[in-house]
């Protein structure tokens, strides 16, 4: 089960692919995110997905900028649609 879950997570830095993958519900996407509520609202409006997890452990950011709005990223976050 753990391996299956790991295979469903993909790290992205490209906004267009981020939108496509979330709309198609193919993956849980891990991406750099600004953490702003307004940005998450726009992500949900565009893709139907919301943030699901921000890791507690500090880790190197996937990208310096938020994958969606382009502002400075604060976290790596996991995004997915609810089922």
C-alpha atoms as a PDB file:
ATOM      1  CA  UNK A   1       0.000   0.000   0.000  1.00  0.00           C
ATOM      2  CA  UNK A   2       2.874   2.354   0.837  1.00  0.00           C
ATOM      3  CA  UNK A   3       4.528   1.815  -2.550  1.00  0.00           C
ATOM      4  CA  UNK A   4       1.208   2.364  -4.354  1.00  0.00           C
ATOM      5  CA  UNK A   5       0.710   5.628  -2.445  1.00  0.00           C
ATOM      6  CA  UNK A   6       4.285   6.765  -3.213  1.00  0.00           C
ATOM      7  CA  UNK A   7       3.678   6.105  -6.915  1.00  0.00           C
ATOM      8  CA  UNK A   8       0.663   8.419  -6.814  1.00  0.00           C
ATOM      9  CA  UNK A   9       2.713  11.423  -5.625  1.00  0.00           C
ATOM     10  CA  UNK A  10       4.539  13.561  -8.145  1.00  0.00           C
ATOM     11  CA  UNK A  11       6.664  16.665  -7.538  1.00  0.00           C
ATOM     12  CA  UNK A  12       6.018  19.456  -9.996  1.00  0.00           C
ATOM     13  CA  UNK A  13       7.413  22.896 -10.778  1.00  0.00           C
ATOM     14  CA  UNK A  14       5.363  23.600 -13.931  1.00  0.00           C
ATOM     15  CA  UNK A  15       2.038  25.393 -13.369  1.00  0.00           C
ATOM     16  CA  UNK A  16       0.353  24.029 -16.513  1.00  0.00           C
ATOM     17  CA  UNK A  17       1.203  20.430 -15.623  1.00  0.00           C
ATOM     18  CA  UNK A  18       0.125  21.105 -12.011  1.00  0.00           C
ATOM     19  CA  UNK A  19      -3.303  22.189 -13.230  1.00  0.00           C
ATOM     20  CA  UNK A  20      -3.606  19.318 -15.723  1.00  0.00           C
ATOM     21  CA  UNK A  21      -2.623  16.579 -13.269  1.00  0.00           C
ATOM     22  CA  UNK A  22      -4.952  17.857 -10.547  1.00  0.00           C
ATOM     23  CA  UNK A  23      -7.903  18.274 -12.916  1.00  0.00           C
ATOM     24  CA  UNK A  24      -7.437  14.726 -14.185  1.00  0.00           C
ATOM     25  CA  UNK A  25      -7.120  13.393 -10.600  1.00  0.00           C
ATOM     26  CA  UNK A  26      -4.156  11.292 -11.646  1.00  0.00           C
ATOM     27  CA  UNK A  27      -1.765  12.228  -8.896  1.00  0.00           C
ATOM     28  CA  UNK A  28      -1.266  13.798  -5.524  1.00  0.00           C
ATOM     29  CA  UNK A  29       0.960  16.733  -6.395  1.00  0.00           C
ATOM     30  CA  UNK A  30       3.758  17.987  -4.178  1.00  0.00           C
ATOM     31  CA  UNK A  31       4.772  21.528  -5.037  1.00  0.00           C
ATOM     32  CA  UNK A  32       6.185  24.740  -3.581  1.00  0.00           C
ATOM     33  CA  UNK A  33       3.383  26.947  -2.275  1.00  0.00           C
ATOM     34  CA  UNK A  34       3.077  30.435  -0.799  1.00  0.00           C
ATOM     35  CA  UNK A  35       0.605  29.277   1.867  1.00  0.00           C
ATOM     36  CA  UNK A  36      -1.848  32.084   1.211  1.00  0.00           C
ATOM     37  CA  UNK A  37      -5.561  31.356   1.537  1.00  0.00           C
ATOM     38  CA  UNK A  38      -6.385  33.437  -1.549  1.00  0.00           C
ATOM     39  CA  UNK A  39      -3.963  31.360  -3.625  1.00  0.00           C
ATOM     40  CA  UNK A  40      -5.463  28.102  -2.345  1.00  0.00           C
ATOM     41  CA  UNK A  41      -8.943  29.409  -3.221  1.00  0.00           C
ATOM     42  CA  UNK A  42      -7.788  30.077  -6.788  1.00  0.00           C
ATOM     43  CA  UNK A  43      -6.196  26.620  -7.001  1.00  0.00           C
ATOM     44  CA  UNK A  44      -9.474  25.047  -5.857  1.00  0.00           C
ATOM     45  CA  UNK A  45     -11.474  27.169  -8.297  1.00  0.00           C
ATOM     46  CA  UNK A  46      -9.188  26.152 -11.184  1.00  0.00           C
ATOM     47  CA  UNK A  47      -8.514  22.489 -10.388  1.00  0.00           C
ATOM     48  CA  UNK A  48     -10.991  21.340  -7.749  1.00  0.00           C
ATOM     49  CA  UNK A  49      -8.028  20.486  -5.480  1.00  0.00           C
ATOM     50  CA  UNK A  50      -6.928  21.852  -2.128  1.00  0.00           C
ATOM     51  CA  UNK A  51      -3.853  21.493   0.022  1.00  0.00           C
ATOM     52  CA  UNK A  52      -3.871  18.217   1.915  1.00  0.00           C
ATOM     53  CA  UNK A  53      -0.629  18.296   3.857  1.00  0.00           C
ATOM     54  CA  UNK A  54       2.277  20.545   4.704  1.00  0.00           C
ATOM     55  CA  UNK A  55       5.111  18.375   6.062  1.00  0.00           C
ATOM     56  CA  UNK A  56       6.101  19.118   9.646  1.00  0.00           C
ATOM     57  CA  UNK A  57       9.764  18.484   8.952  1.00  0.00           C
ATOM     58  CA  UNK A  58      11.577  21.342   7.301  1.00  0.00           C
ATOM     59  CA  UNK A  59      12.850  20.407   3.879  1.00  0.00           C
ATOM     60  CA  UNK A  60      14.399  22.174   0.939  1.00  0.00           C
ATOM     61  CA  UNK A  61      11.753  23.916  -1.158  1.00  0.00           C
ATOM     62  CA  UNK A  62      11.044  22.320  -4.508  1.00  0.00           C
ATOM     63  CA  UNK A  63      11.070  25.788  -6.056  1.00  0.00           C
ATOM     64  CA  UNK A  64      11.637  29.306  -4.694  1.00  0.00           C
ATOM     65  CA  UNK A  65       8.278  30.497  -6.002  1.00  0.00           C
ATOM     66  CA  UNK A  66       4.716  29.285  -5.523  1.00  0.00           C
ATOM     67  CA  UNK A  67       3.702  26.945  -8.328  1.00  0.00           C
ATOM     68  CA  UNK A  68       0.405  28.751  -8.834  1.00  0.00           C
ATOM     69  CA  UNK A  69       0.727  32.482  -8.092  1.00  0.00           C
ATOM     70  CA  UNK A  70       4.502  32.919  -8.414  1.00  0.00           C
ATOM     71  CA  UNK A  71       4.968  34.624  -5.029  1.00  0.00           C
ATOM     72  CA  UNK A  72       7.766  33.522  -2.716  1.00  0.00           C
ATOM     73  CA  UNK A  73       7.108  29.952  -1.572  1.00  0.00           C
ATOM     74  CA  UNK A  74       6.958  29.178   2.144  1.00  0.00           C
ATOM     75  CA  UNK A  75       6.220  25.446   2.082  1.00  0.00           C
ATOM     76  CA  UNK A  76       6.238  22.302   0.064  1.00  0.00           C
ATOM     77  CA  UNK A  77       2.618  21.166   0.113  1.00  0.00           C
ATOM     78  CA  UNK A  78       0.633  18.221  -1.153  1.00  0.00           C
ATOM     79  CA  UNK A  79      -2.461  18.986  -3.250  1.00  0.00           C
ATOM     80  CA  UNK A  80      -5.263  16.679  -4.333  1.00  0.00           C
ATOM     81  CA  UNK A  81      -8.971  16.547  -4.983  1.00  0.00           C
ATOM     82  CA  UNK A  82     -11.153  14.946  -2.348  1.00  0.00           C
ATOM     83  CA  UNK A  83     -13.104  11.897  -3.332  1.00  0.00           C
END
